[in-house]
Amino acid sequence: MALRINDTIPNLTVKTDQGEFSLHDWIGDDWAILFSHPKDFTPVCTTEFGAVARLSAEWKKRGTKVLGISVDGVEDHVKWKADIEKAGGAAPDFPIVADDGLEMAKAFDMLPAEYALPDGRTPADSATVRVVFIVGPDKKLKLSMTYPMTVGRNFAEVLRALDALQTTSREGVATPADWTVGQDVIVPVAVSDEDAIAKYGKIDTVLPYLRTAKLPA
């Protein structure tokens, strides 16, 4: 069964190029980005790992850990990281799960439960292993995005979504389309005008059910 928003993620023990650990222990009290790939040494995925590596300071600023997942072994991951640094201009400082037995891919419903890797496989054989998961400190899934093999992920959008998730979780608000930090937020329908004005100082009523406000500095 597919993981749904607010499901607790499986607490698997995973093998990575930075050692073995359980997912829940590794996340600890932080947020986490898990992003998966069908194979090492593939062109689109190499550019994506480079993009994530270049955002290292941004993830840390947001108290967020990053975990790559690929259905190849640890030795390949170590070699691939050298290519990623060469192509992307930054060394990946995050671990990559060696999911060569597909345990994580199946537990997170990225592949059918009965699926097995064929000999001499190509990336197309494990193409559906291409997902971004954002997980909260409560170990629950907050957001997921699934991409086809041919389309590189936009990690600026992943970062924006992370900002929105952290803000809505912390402030009890919602965010409008294309929201970025510093812009007005949406006041929940359950909050009265009086309470909203007391909290935010001012609200803008666009529609009876759409009110916006600026978060206090």
N, C-alpha and C. Protein backbone atom coordinates (compact mmCIF):
# COMPACT_ATOMS: atom_id res chain seq x y z
N MET A 1 0.85 -1.19 0.00
CA MET A 1 0.00 0.00 0.00
C MET A 1 0.89 1.24 0.00
N ALA A 2 0.54 2.24 -0.78
CA ALA A 2 1.36 3.44 -0.90
C ALA A 2 1.39 4.22 0.40
N LEU A 3 2.54 4.86 0.67
CA LEU A 3 2.63 5.77 1.80
C LEU A 3 1.79 7.00 1.51
N ARG A 4 1.01 7.40 2.48
CA ARG A 4 0.18 8.59 2.33
C ARG A 4 0.66 9.67 3.29
N ILE A 5 0.25 10.91 3.02
CA ILE A 5 0.61 12.02 3.88
C ILE A 5 0.19 11.69 5.32
N ASN A 6 1.11 11.94 6.25
CA ASN A 6 0.95 11.70 7.69
C ASN A 6 1.09 10.24 8.10
N ASP A 7 1.40 9.34 7.15
CA ASP A 7 1.81 7.99 7.53
C ASP A 7 3.21 8.05 8.15
N THR A 8 3.44 7.23 9.18
CA THR A 8 4.78 7.08 9.73
C THR A 8 5.62 6.24 8.77
N ILE A 9 6.80 6.71 8.42
CA ILE A 9 7.61 5.97 7.45
C ILE A 9 8.16 4.70 8.09
N PRO A 10 8.41 3.65 7.30
CA PRO A 10 8.97 2.41 7.85
C PRO A 10 10.32 2.68 8.51
N ASN A 11 10.52 2.08 9.66
CA ASN A 11 11.78 2.26 10.38
C ASN A 11 12.77 1.17 9.99
N LEU A 12 13.22 1.23 8.74
CA LEU A 12 14.15 0.22 8.24
C LEU A 12 15.57 0.49 8.74
N THR A 13 16.34 -0.56 8.85
CA THR A 13 17.79 -0.42 9.05
C THR A 13 18.42 -0.50 7.67
N VAL A 14 19.15 0.56 7.28
CA VAL A 14 19.67 0.65 5.92
C VAL A 14 21.19 0.68 5.93
N LYS A 15 21.76 0.17 4.85
CA LYS A 15 23.21 0.20 4.64
C LYS A 15 23.53 1.34 3.70
N THR A 16 24.49 2.19 4.05
CA THR A 16 24.86 3.33 3.22
C THR A 16 26.37 3.41 3.09
N ASP A 17 26.82 4.34 2.26
CA ASP A 17 28.26 4.56 2.14
C ASP A 17 28.84 5.26 3.36
N GLN A 18 28.00 5.67 4.31
CA GLN A 18 28.45 6.27 5.56
C GLN A 18 28.05 5.43 6.77
N GLY A 19 27.87 4.13 6.55
CA GLY A 19 27.55 3.23 7.64
C GLY A 19 26.11 2.77 7.64
N GLU A 20 25.77 1.99 8.65
CA GLU A 20 24.43 1.39 8.77
C GLU A 20 23.68 2.06 9.91
N PHE A 21 22.38 2.34 9.70
CA PHE A 21 21.58 2.96 10.75
C PHE A 21 20.10 2.72 10.47
N SER A 22 19.28 2.92 11.52
CA SER A 22 17.83 2.87 11.32
C SER A 22 17.36 4.24 10.89
N LEU A 23 16.34 4.29 10.06
CA LEU A 23 15.88 5.57 9.51
C LEU A 23 15.38 6.50 10.61
N HIS A 24 14.63 5.98 11.58
CA HIS A 24 14.09 6.83 12.63
C HIS A 24 15.21 7.41 13.50
N ASP A 25 16.21 6.58 13.83
CA ASP A 25 17.35 7.09 14.62
C ASP A 25 18.12 8.14 13.84
N TRP A 26 18.29 7.91 12.56
CA TRP A 26 19.05 8.85 11.72
C TRP A 26 18.33 10.20 11.64
N ILE A 27 17.01 10.19 11.48
CA ILE A 27 16.26 11.45 11.42
C ILE A 27 16.32 12.17 12.76
N GLY A 28 16.18 11.44 13.86
CA GLY A 28 16.23 12.07 15.17
C GLY A 28 15.16 13.12 15.33
N ASP A 29 15.58 14.34 15.73
CA ASP A 29 14.64 15.45 15.92
C ASP A 29 14.64 16.42 14.74
N ASP A 30 15.21 16.00 13.63
CA ASP A 30 15.34 16.88 12.47
C ASP A 30 14.25 16.59 11.44
N TRP A 31 14.19 17.42 10.41
CA TRP A 31 13.45 17.12 9.20
C TRP A 31 14.36 16.31 8.29
N ALA A 32 13.79 15.65 7.29
CA ALA A 32 14.60 14.85 6.39
C ALA A 32 14.06 14.90 4.96
N ILE A 33 14.99 14.92 4.02
CA ILE A 33 14.68 14.78 2.59
C ILE A 33 15.23 13.43 2.15
N LEU A 34 14.38 12.56 1.64
CA LEU A 34 14.81 11.28 1.07
C LEU A 34 14.53 11.35 -0.43
N PHE A 35 15.56 11.11 -1.24
CA PHE A 35 15.31 11.15 -2.69
C PHE A 35 15.99 9.96 -3.35
N SER A 36 15.23 9.31 -4.22
CA SER A 36 15.64 8.00 -4.72
C SER A 36 15.95 8.02 -6.22
N HIS A 37 16.74 7.01 -6.64
CA HIS A 37 17.25 6.95 -8.02
C HIS A 37 17.28 5.50 -8.50
N PRO A 38 17.08 5.30 -9.81
CA PRO A 38 17.03 3.93 -10.33
C PRO A 38 18.39 3.27 -10.53
N LYS A 39 19.47 4.09 -10.58
CA LYS A 39 20.79 3.49 -10.84
C LYS A 39 21.87 4.55 -10.68
N ASP A 40 23.05 4.12 -10.22
CA ASP A 40 24.21 5.01 -10.19
C ASP A 40 24.73 5.24 -11.61
N PHE A 41 25.56 6.27 -11.75
CA PHE A 41 26.22 6.58 -13.04
C PHE A 41 25.21 6.81 -14.16
N THR A 42 24.11 7.49 -13.84
CA THR A 42 23.12 7.87 -14.86
C THR A 42 23.11 9.39 -14.96
N PRO A 43 22.87 9.94 -16.16
CA PRO A 43 23.10 11.37 -16.38
C PRO A 43 22.18 12.30 -15.60
N VAL A 44 20.87 12.08 -15.64
CA VAL A 44 19.94 12.98 -14.94
C VAL A 44 20.19 12.94 -13.44
N CYS A 45 20.34 11.74 -12.91
CA CYS A 45 20.54 11.59 -11.46
C CYS A 45 21.84 12.22 -11.00
N THR A 46 22.87 12.16 -11.82
CA THR A 46 24.15 12.78 -11.47
C THR A 46 23.99 14.29 -11.31
N THR A 47 23.22 14.91 -12.22
CA THR A 47 23.00 16.36 -12.09
C THR A 47 22.16 16.67 -10.85
N GLU A 48 21.24 15.79 -10.51
CA GLU A 48 20.40 16.01 -9.32
C GLU A 48 21.22 15.92 -8.04
N PHE A 49 22.08 14.93 -7.95
CA PHE A 49 22.92 14.81 -6.76
C PHE A 49 23.82 16.03 -6.62
N GLY A 50 24.31 16.54 -7.74
CA GLY A 50 25.11 17.76 -7.70
C GLY A 50 24.31 18.94 -7.18
N ALA A 51 23.05 19.05 -7.61
CA ALA A 51 22.18 20.14 -7.15
C ALA A 51 21.95 20.05 -5.64
N VAL A 52 21.71 18.86 -5.14
CA VAL A 52 21.50 18.67 -3.71
C VAL A 52 22.77 18.99 -2.93
N ALA A 53 23.92 18.58 -3.46
CA ALA A 53 25.19 18.85 -2.78
C ALA A 53 25.45 20.35 -2.68
N ARG A 54 25.12 21.10 -3.72
CA ARG A 54 25.34 22.55 -3.71
C ARG A 54 24.43 23.26 -2.70
N LEU A 55 23.34 22.62 -2.30
CA LEU A 55 22.41 23.20 -1.33
C LEU A 55 22.70 22.76 0.10
N SER A 56 23.87 22.20 0.33
CA SER A 56 24.19 21.65 1.65
C SER A 56 23.96 22.65 2.78
N ALA A 57 24.41 23.88 2.61
CA ALA A 57 24.26 24.89 3.67
C ALA A 57 22.79 25.23 3.91
N GLU A 58 21.98 25.18 2.84
CA GLU A 58 20.55 25.50 2.97
C GLU A 58 19.82 24.41 3.77
N TRP A 59 20.15 23.14 3.51
CA TRP A 59 19.53 22.06 4.28
C TRP A 59 19.89 22.22 5.76
N LYS A 60 21.16 22.48 6.04
CA LYS A 60 21.61 22.60 7.44
C LYS A 60 20.92 23.77 8.13
N LYS A 61 20.77 24.87 7.41
CA LYS A 61 20.12 26.07 7.97
C LYS A 61 18.70 25.75 8.42
N ARG A 62 18.06 24.79 7.76
CA ARG A 62 16.68 24.42 8.06
C ARG A 62 16.57 23.19 8.95
N GLY A 63 17.69 22.76 9.53
CA GLY A 63 17.67 21.59 10.41
C GLY A 63 17.20 20.35 9.70
N THR A 64 17.67 20.16 8.47
CA THR A 64 17.18 19.08 7.62
C THR A 64 18.33 18.19 7.15
N LYS A 65 18.15 16.89 7.30
CA LYS A 65 19.12 15.92 6.81
C LYS A 65 18.70 15.43 5.43
N VAL A 66 19.68 15.02 4.64
CA VAL A 66 19.41 14.53 3.29
C VAL A 66 19.91 13.10 3.16
N LEU A 67 19.12 12.25 2.52
CA LEU A 67 19.49 10.86 2.31
C LEU A 67 19.18 10.47 0.87
N GLY A 68 20.21 10.10 0.11
CA GLY A 68 20.00 9.57 -1.22
C GLY A 68 19.69 8.08 -1.15
N ILE A 69 19.01 7.57 -2.15
CA ILE A 69 18.67 6.14 -2.21
C ILE A 69 18.91 5.69 -3.65
N SER A 70 19.67 4.62 -3.83
CA SER A 70 19.87 4.08 -5.17
C SER A 70 19.99 2.56 -5.07
N VAL A 71 19.48 1.86 -6.07
CA VAL A 71 19.45 0.41 -5.99
C VAL A 71 20.75 -0.19 -6.56
N ASP A 72 21.86 0.36 -6.09
CA ASP A 72 23.20 -0.19 -6.36
C ASP A 72 23.92 -0.30 -5.03
N GLY A 73 25.14 -0.86 -5.06
CA GLY A 73 25.87 -1.13 -3.84
C GLY A 73 26.73 0.02 -3.35
N VAL A 74 27.28 -0.14 -2.15
CA VAL A 74 28.09 0.89 -1.51
C VAL A 74 29.31 1.25 -2.35
N GLU A 75 29.97 0.26 -2.90
CA GLU A 75 31.18 0.52 -3.69
C GLU A 75 30.87 1.43 -4.88
N ASP A 76 29.77 1.17 -5.55
CA ASP A 76 29.38 2.03 -6.66
C ASP A 76 29.05 3.44 -6.18
N HIS A 77 28.39 3.55 -5.03
CA HIS A 77 28.05 4.87 -4.49
C HIS A 77 29.31 5.72 -4.27
N VAL A 78 30.32 5.11 -3.70
CA VAL A 78 31.57 5.83 -3.41
C VAL A 78 32.20 6.34 -4.71
N LYS A 79 32.23 5.48 -5.72
CA LYS A 79 32.81 5.88 -7.00
C LYS A 79 31.96 6.95 -7.68
N TRP A 80 30.65 6.80 -7.58
CA TRP A 80 29.73 7.75 -8.22
C TRP A 80 29.88 9.14 -7.63
N LYS A 81 30.13 9.22 -6.33
CA LYS A 81 30.25 10.53 -5.68
C LYS A 81 31.38 11.36 -6.29
N ALA A 82 32.43 10.72 -6.76
CA ALA A 82 33.52 11.44 -7.42
C ALA A 82 33.03 12.07 -8.72
N ASP A 83 32.22 11.33 -9.46
CA ASP A 83 31.62 11.87 -10.70
C ASP A 83 30.68 13.03 -10.39
N ILE A 84 29.90 12.87 -9.32
CA ILE A 84 28.94 13.91 -8.94
C ILE A 84 29.67 15.20 -8.61
N GLU A 85 30.75 15.11 -7.87
CA GLU A 85 31.53 16.30 -7.52
C GLU A 85 32.13 16.95 -8.76
N LYS A 86 32.63 16.12 -9.67
CA LYS A 86 33.23 16.64 -10.90
C LYS A 86 32.19 17.37 -11.75
N ALA A 87 31.01 16.77 -11.90
CA ALA A 87 29.98 17.36 -12.76
C ALA A 87 29.23 18.50 -12.08
N GLY A 88 29.04 18.38 -10.76
CA GLY A 88 28.18 19.34 -10.05
C GLY A 88 28.91 20.43 -9.32
N GLY A 89 30.23 20.28 -9.15
CA GLY A 89 31.00 21.33 -8.50
C GLY A 89 30.90 21.34 -6.99
N ALA A 90 30.35 20.29 -6.39
CA ALA A 90 30.25 20.20 -4.93
C ALA A 90 30.27 18.72 -4.54
N ALA A 91 30.95 18.43 -3.43
CA ALA A 91 31.04 17.04 -2.96
C ALA A 91 29.79 16.69 -2.15
N PRO A 92 29.10 15.61 -2.48
CA PRO A 92 27.93 15.20 -1.68
C PRO A 92 28.38 14.77 -0.28
N ASP A 93 27.87 15.47 0.75
CA ASP A 93 28.25 15.13 2.12
C ASP A 93 27.20 14.29 2.83
N PHE A 94 26.20 13.83 2.07
CA PHE A 94 25.11 13.06 2.65
C PHE A 94 25.27 11.58 2.28
N PRO A 95 24.70 10.68 3.07
CA PRO A 95 24.80 9.25 2.75
C PRO A 95 23.87 8.84 1.61
N ILE A 96 24.22 7.73 0.95
CA ILE A 96 23.36 7.14 -0.07
C ILE A 96 23.07 5.70 0.34
N VAL A 97 21.80 5.36 0.44
CA VAL A 97 21.41 3.99 0.79
C VAL A 97 21.75 3.05 -0.35
N ALA A 98 22.36 1.93 -0.01
CA ALA A 98 22.64 0.87 -0.98
C ALA A 98 21.46 -0.10 -0.96
N ASP A 99 20.43 0.22 -1.74
CA ASP A 99 19.19 -0.56 -1.71
C ASP A 99 19.19 -1.63 -2.80
N ASP A 100 20.31 -2.36 -2.91
CA ASP A 100 20.44 -3.34 -3.98
C ASP A 100 19.51 -4.54 -3.79
N GLY A 101 18.98 -4.72 -2.58
CA GLY A 101 17.98 -5.77 -2.35
C GLY A 101 16.56 -5.28 -2.48
N LEU A 102 16.39 -3.99 -2.78
CA LEU A 102 15.09 -3.35 -3.00
C LEU A 102 14.19 -3.30 -1.77
N GLU A 103 14.76 -3.52 -0.59
CA GLU A 103 13.94 -3.51 0.62
C GLU A 103 13.28 -2.15 0.83
N MET A 104 14.05 -1.08 0.69
CA MET A 104 13.50 0.26 0.91
C MET A 104 12.55 0.66 -0.23
N ALA A 105 12.93 0.33 -1.46
CA ALA A 105 12.08 0.66 -2.61
C ALA A 105 10.69 0.04 -2.47
N LYS A 106 10.64 -1.19 -1.97
CA LYS A 106 9.35 -1.87 -1.81
C LYS A 106 8.61 -1.38 -0.57
N ALA A 107 9.32 -1.14 0.53
CA ALA A 107 8.67 -0.69 1.76
C ALA A 107 8.06 0.70 1.57
N PHE A 108 8.68 1.52 0.72
CA PHE A 108 8.16 2.86 0.45
C PHE A 108 7.28 2.89 -0.80
N ASP A 109 6.95 1.71 -1.31
CA ASP A 109 6.04 1.54 -2.43
C ASP A 109 6.53 2.24 -3.70
N MET A 110 7.83 2.14 -3.96
CA MET A 110 8.38 2.69 -5.19
C MET A 110 8.43 1.64 -6.30
N LEU A 111 8.29 0.38 -5.93
CA LEU A 111 8.26 -0.74 -6.88
C LEU A 111 7.26 -1.78 -6.37
N PRO A 112 6.68 -2.58 -7.26
CA PRO A 112 5.78 -3.64 -6.81
C PRO A 112 6.48 -4.60 -5.85
N ALA A 113 5.75 -5.15 -4.91
CA ALA A 113 6.33 -6.01 -3.88
C ALA A 113 7.05 -7.22 -4.47
N GLU A 114 6.53 -7.73 -5.61
CA GLU A 114 7.12 -8.94 -6.20
C GLU A 114 8.28 -8.63 -7.16
N TYR A 115 8.61 -7.35 -7.33
CA TYR A 115 9.61 -6.98 -8.33
C TYR A 115 10.99 -7.47 -7.92
N ALA A 116 11.78 -7.92 -8.90
CA ALA A 116 13.17 -8.31 -8.69
C ALA A 116 14.01 -7.72 -9.81
N LEU A 117 15.27 -7.38 -9.51
CA LEU A 117 16.14 -6.81 -10.52
C LEU A 117 16.65 -7.88 -11.46
N PRO A 118 16.50 -7.69 -12.77
CA PRO A 118 17.03 -8.67 -13.72
C PRO A 118 18.54 -8.53 -13.86
N ASP A 119 19.19 -9.58 -14.32
CA ASP A 119 20.63 -9.50 -14.62
C ASP A 119 20.85 -8.52 -15.76
N GLY A 120 21.95 -7.77 -15.68
CA GLY A 120 22.27 -6.83 -16.74
C GLY A 120 21.23 -5.74 -16.91
N ARG A 121 20.62 -5.34 -15.81
CA ARG A 121 19.52 -4.39 -15.88
C ARG A 121 19.97 -3.02 -16.38
N THR A 122 19.02 -2.27 -16.85
CA THR A 122 19.22 -0.87 -17.22
C THR A 122 18.42 0.00 -16.26
N PRO A 123 18.64 1.33 -16.23
CA PRO A 123 17.85 2.19 -15.35
C PRO A 123 16.35 2.05 -15.58
N ALA A 124 15.95 1.72 -16.81
CA ALA A 124 14.51 1.58 -17.11
C ALA A 124 13.86 0.46 -16.30
N ASP A 125 14.66 -0.54 -15.90
CA ASP A 125 14.09 -1.65 -15.13
C ASP A 125 13.61 -1.21 -13.76
N SER A 126 14.22 -0.17 -13.20
CA SER A 126 13.82 0.31 -11.87
C SER A 126 13.42 1.78 -11.94
N ALA A 127 12.78 2.13 -13.04
CA ALA A 127 12.48 3.54 -13.34
C ALA A 127 11.59 4.20 -12.30
N THR A 128 10.70 3.43 -11.67
CA THR A 128 9.77 4.06 -10.74
C THR A 128 10.43 4.40 -9.40
N VAL A 129 11.67 3.97 -9.21
CA VAL A 129 12.39 4.35 -7.99
C VAL A 129 12.92 5.77 -8.18
N ARG A 130 12.03 6.75 -8.21
CA ARG A 130 12.42 8.14 -8.49
C ARG A 130 11.44 9.06 -7.79
N VAL A 131 11.62 9.18 -6.49
CA VAL A 131 10.66 9.89 -5.65
C VAL A 131 11.41 10.80 -4.68
N VAL A 132 10.78 11.93 -4.32
CA VAL A 132 11.25 12.78 -3.22
C VAL A 132 10.26 12.62 -2.07
N PHE A 133 10.78 12.34 -0.88
CA PHE A 133 9.96 12.31 0.33
C PHE A 133 10.47 13.39 1.28
N ILE A 134 9.56 14.19 1.85
CA ILE A 134 9.91 15.08 2.94
C ILE A 134 9.26 14.54 4.20
N VAL A 135 10.09 14.31 5.22
CA VAL A 135 9.65 13.66 6.45
C VAL A 135 9.89 14.61 7.62
N GLY A 136 8.91 14.70 8.52
CA GLY A 136 9.04 15.58 9.68
C GLY A 136 9.76 14.92 10.84
N PRO A 137 10.08 15.69 11.87
CA PRO A 137 10.72 15.12 13.07
C PRO A 137 9.89 14.05 13.74
N ASP A 138 8.57 14.06 13.47
CA ASP A 138 7.68 13.02 14.03
C ASP A 138 7.73 11.73 13.22
N LYS A 139 8.63 11.69 12.22
CA LYS A 139 8.84 10.52 11.36
C LYS A 139 7.65 10.25 10.42
N LYS A 140 6.82 11.27 10.23
CA LYS A 140 5.66 11.13 9.35
C LYS A 140 5.92 11.79 8.00
N LEU A 141 5.38 11.18 6.96
CA LEU A 141 5.52 11.72 5.61
C LEU A 141 4.72 13.01 5.49
N LYS A 142 5.39 14.08 5.07
CA LYS A 142 4.73 15.37 4.91
C LYS A 142 4.44 15.70 3.45
N LEU A 143 5.25 15.17 2.53
CA LEU A 143 5.10 15.49 1.11
C LEU A 143 5.86 14.45 0.30
N SER A 144 5.33 14.12 -0.89
CA SER A 144 6.07 13.26 -1.81
C SER A 144 5.87 13.74 -3.23
N MET A 145 6.89 13.56 -4.06
CA MET A 145 6.83 13.93 -5.47
C MET A 145 7.46 12.79 -6.26
N THR A 146 6.80 12.33 -7.33
CA THR A 146 7.32 11.27 -8.17
C THR A 146 7.59 11.81 -9.57
N TYR A 147 8.76 11.51 -10.09
CA TYR A 147 9.20 12.03 -11.39
C TYR A 147 9.50 10.90 -12.36
N PRO A 148 9.34 11.16 -13.66
CA PRO A 148 9.78 10.20 -14.67
C PRO A 148 11.31 10.27 -14.82
N MET A 149 11.86 9.30 -15.51
CA MET A 149 13.32 9.24 -15.66
C MET A 149 13.90 10.42 -16.43
N THR A 150 13.12 10.99 -17.34
CA THR A 150 13.67 11.99 -18.27
C THR A 150 13.65 13.41 -17.73
N VAL A 151 12.98 13.65 -16.61
CA VAL A 151 12.81 15.01 -16.11
C VAL A 151 13.57 15.19 -14.79
N GLY A 152 14.58 16.06 -14.83
CA GLY A 152 15.35 16.34 -13.63
C GLY A 152 14.51 17.09 -12.60
N ARG A 153 14.69 16.74 -11.36
CA ARG A 153 13.92 17.38 -10.29
C ARG A 153 14.41 18.81 -10.03
N ASN A 154 13.49 19.66 -9.61
CA ASN A 154 13.80 21.04 -9.29
C ASN A 154 13.97 21.15 -7.78
N PHE A 155 15.20 21.17 -7.31
CA PHE A 155 15.43 21.16 -5.87
C PHE A 155 15.22 22.54 -5.24
N ALA A 156 15.14 23.58 -6.06
CA ALA A 156 14.69 24.86 -5.54
C ALA A 156 13.24 24.75 -5.09
N GLU A 157 12.43 23.98 -5.81
CA GLU A 157 11.04 23.75 -5.42
C GLU A 157 10.97 22.86 -4.18
N VAL A 158 11.84 21.86 -4.08
CA VAL A 158 11.88 21.04 -2.87
C VAL A 158 12.20 21.91 -1.66
N LEU A 159 13.16 22.82 -1.82
CA LEU A 159 13.53 23.73 -0.75
C LEU A 159 12.36 24.65 -0.39
N ARG A 160 11.67 25.16 -1.41
CA ARG A 160 10.51 26.03 -1.18
C ARG A 160 9.41 25.28 -0.44
N ALA A 161 9.16 24.04 -0.86
CA ALA A 161 8.13 23.23 -0.19
C ALA A 161 8.52 22.94 1.26
N LEU A 162 9.80 22.69 1.49
CA LEU A 162 10.28 22.47 2.86
C LEU A 162 10.03 23.70 3.71
N ASP A 163 10.35 24.88 3.18
CA ASP A 163 10.08 26.13 3.91
C ASP A 163 8.60 26.25 4.26
N ALA A 164 7.74 25.93 3.29
CA ALA A 164 6.31 26.03 3.52
C ALA A 164 5.84 25.03 4.58
N LEU A 165 6.34 23.81 4.50
CA LEU A 165 5.97 22.80 5.49
C LEU A 165 6.41 23.21 6.89
N GLN A 166 7.63 23.69 7.01
CA GLN A 166 8.12 24.09 8.33
C GLN A 166 7.35 25.28 8.87
N THR A 167 7.02 26.23 7.98
CA THR A 167 6.27 27.41 8.41
C THR A 167 4.86 27.06 8.84
N THR A 168 4.15 26.25 8.04
CA THR A 168 2.78 25.90 8.38
C THR A 168 2.72 25.04 9.64
N SER A 169 3.71 24.19 9.82
CA SER A 169 3.77 23.36 11.02
C SER A 169 4.02 24.21 12.27
N ARG A 170 4.90 25.17 12.15
CA ARG A 170 5.28 26.01 13.28
C ARG A 170 4.22 27.06 13.62
N GLU A 171 3.60 27.65 12.59
CA GLU A 171 2.72 28.80 12.79
C GLU A 171 1.23 28.48 12.74
N GLY A 172 0.86 27.26 12.32
CA GLY A 172 -0.55 26.91 12.24
C GLY A 172 -1.30 27.67 11.17
N VAL A 173 -0.65 27.93 10.04
CA VAL A 173 -1.25 28.66 8.92
C VAL A 173 -1.18 27.78 7.68
N ALA A 174 -1.61 28.33 6.53
CA ALA A 174 -1.44 27.69 5.24
C ALA A 174 -0.69 28.66 4.34
N THR A 175 -0.22 28.18 3.19
CA THR A 175 0.49 29.06 2.26
C THR A 175 -0.17 29.01 0.89
N PRO A 176 -0.21 30.14 0.19
CA PRO A 176 -0.82 30.18 -1.14
C PRO A 176 0.13 29.63 -2.21
N ALA A 177 -0.36 29.58 -3.43
CA ALA A 177 0.46 29.12 -4.55
C ALA A 177 1.72 29.96 -4.68
N ASP A 178 2.82 29.30 -4.97
CA ASP A 178 4.10 29.96 -5.26
C ASP A 178 4.67 30.72 -4.06
N TRP A 179 4.18 30.44 -2.87
CA TRP A 179 4.63 31.16 -1.67
C TRP A 179 6.11 30.95 -1.42
N THR A 180 6.77 32.02 -0.97
CA THR A 180 8.14 31.93 -0.49
C THR A 180 8.24 32.67 0.83
N VAL A 181 9.29 32.40 1.57
CA VAL A 181 9.47 32.98 2.90
C VAL A 181 9.40 34.51 2.84
N GLY A 182 8.62 35.10 3.75
CA GLY A 182 8.46 36.55 3.80
C GLY A 182 7.16 37.03 3.20
N GLN A 183 6.53 36.21 2.37
CA GLN A 183 5.26 36.59 1.77
C GLN A 183 4.11 36.30 2.74
N ASP A 184 2.95 36.88 2.44
CA ASP A 184 1.78 36.68 3.29
C ASP A 184 1.35 35.23 3.30
N VAL A 185 0.79 34.82 4.43
CA VAL A 185 0.27 33.46 4.59
C VAL A 185 -1.25 33.50 4.63
N ILE A 186 -1.86 32.33 4.57
CA ILE A 186 -3.32 32.21 4.62
C ILE A 186 -3.76 31.90 6.05
N VAL A 187 -4.74 32.67 6.52
CA VAL A 187 -5.30 32.46 7.86
C VAL A 187 -6.29 31.30 7.79
N PRO A 188 -6.16 30.30 8.65
CA PRO A 188 -7.10 29.17 8.62
C PRO A 188 -8.55 29.61 8.78
N VAL A 189 -9.45 28.94 8.11
CA VAL A 189 -10.88 29.26 8.16
C VAL A 189 -11.40 29.18 9.59
N ALA A 190 -10.86 28.27 10.39
CA ALA A 190 -11.35 28.07 11.76
C ALA A 190 -11.02 29.23 12.69
N VAL A 191 -10.12 30.10 12.29
CA VAL A 191 -9.72 31.24 13.13
C VAL A 191 -10.62 32.43 12.83
N SER A 192 -11.19 33.04 13.86
CA SER A 192 -12.09 34.18 13.67
C SER A 192 -11.30 35.41 13.25
N ASP A 193 -12.01 36.38 12.65
CA ASP A 193 -11.37 37.64 12.29
C ASP A 193 -10.74 38.29 13.52
N GLU A 194 -11.47 38.29 14.63
CA GLU A 194 -10.99 38.94 15.85
C GLU A 194 -9.68 38.30 16.32
N ASP A 195 -9.67 36.98 16.36
CA ASP A 195 -8.46 36.28 16.82
C ASP A 195 -7.30 36.48 15.84
N ALA A 196 -7.62 36.50 14.53
CA ALA A 196 -6.58 36.70 13.53
C ALA A 196 -5.96 38.09 13.64
N ILE A 197 -6.81 39.11 13.84
CA ILE A 197 -6.30 40.48 13.98
C ILE A 197 -5.47 40.60 15.26
N ALA A 198 -5.91 39.95 16.33
CA ALA A 198 -5.16 39.98 17.58
C ALA A 198 -3.78 39.34 17.41
N LYS A 199 -3.71 38.32 16.56
CA LYS A 199 -2.44 37.60 16.37
C LYS A 199 -1.54 38.28 15.37
N TYR A 200 -2.12 38.76 14.25
CA TYR A 200 -1.31 39.27 13.14
C TYR A 200 -1.33 40.80 13.03
N GLY A 201 -2.25 41.45 13.73
CA GLY A 201 -2.33 42.90 13.66
C GLY A 201 -3.22 43.40 12.56
N LYS A 202 -3.23 42.69 11.45
CA LYS A 202 -4.03 43.09 10.29
C LYS A 202 -4.25 41.88 9.40
N ILE A 203 -5.44 41.79 8.81
CA ILE A 203 -5.70 40.73 7.83
C ILE A 203 -6.30 41.34 6.59
N ASP A 204 -6.10 40.67 5.47
CA ASP A 204 -6.67 41.11 4.20
C ASP A 204 -7.70 40.07 3.78
N THR A 205 -8.96 40.46 3.75
CA THR A 205 -10.04 39.54 3.38
C THR A 205 -10.27 39.62 1.87
N VAL A 206 -9.73 38.66 1.15
CA VAL A 206 -9.88 38.60 -0.31
C VAL A 206 -11.25 38.04 -0.67
N LEU A 207 -11.64 36.99 0.03
CA LEU A 207 -12.95 36.33 -0.07
C LEU A 207 -13.33 35.92 1.34
N PRO A 208 -14.60 35.65 1.60
CA PRO A 208 -14.98 35.26 2.96
C PRO A 208 -14.15 34.08 3.50
N TYR A 209 -13.73 33.20 2.61
CA TYR A 209 -12.96 32.03 3.04
C TYR A 209 -11.46 32.15 2.72
N LEU A 210 -11.04 33.31 2.19
CA LEU A 210 -9.62 33.51 1.86
C LEU A 210 -9.13 34.79 2.49
N ARG A 211 -8.42 34.64 3.60
CA ARG A 211 -7.86 35.79 4.32
C ARG A 211 -6.36 35.62 4.43
N THR A 212 -5.63 36.66 4.23
CA THR A 212 -4.18 36.59 4.28
C THR A 212 -3.65 37.55 5.35
N ALA A 213 -2.44 37.25 5.80
CA ALA A 213 -1.81 38.09 6.82
C ALA A 213 -0.30 37.93 6.71
N LYS A 214 0.41 38.87 7.28
CA LYS A 214 1.86 38.79 7.35
C LYS A 214 2.25 38.22 8.71
N LEU A 215 3.14 37.26 8.71
CA LEU A 215 3.59 36.69 9.97
C LEU A 215 4.40 37.72 10.76
N PRO A 216 4.25 37.75 12.08
CA PRO A 216 5.06 38.65 12.88
C PRO A 216 6.56 38.39 12.66
N ALA A 217 7.35 39.42 12.69
CA ALA A 217 8.79 39.25 12.49
C ALA A 217 9.38 38.39 13.60
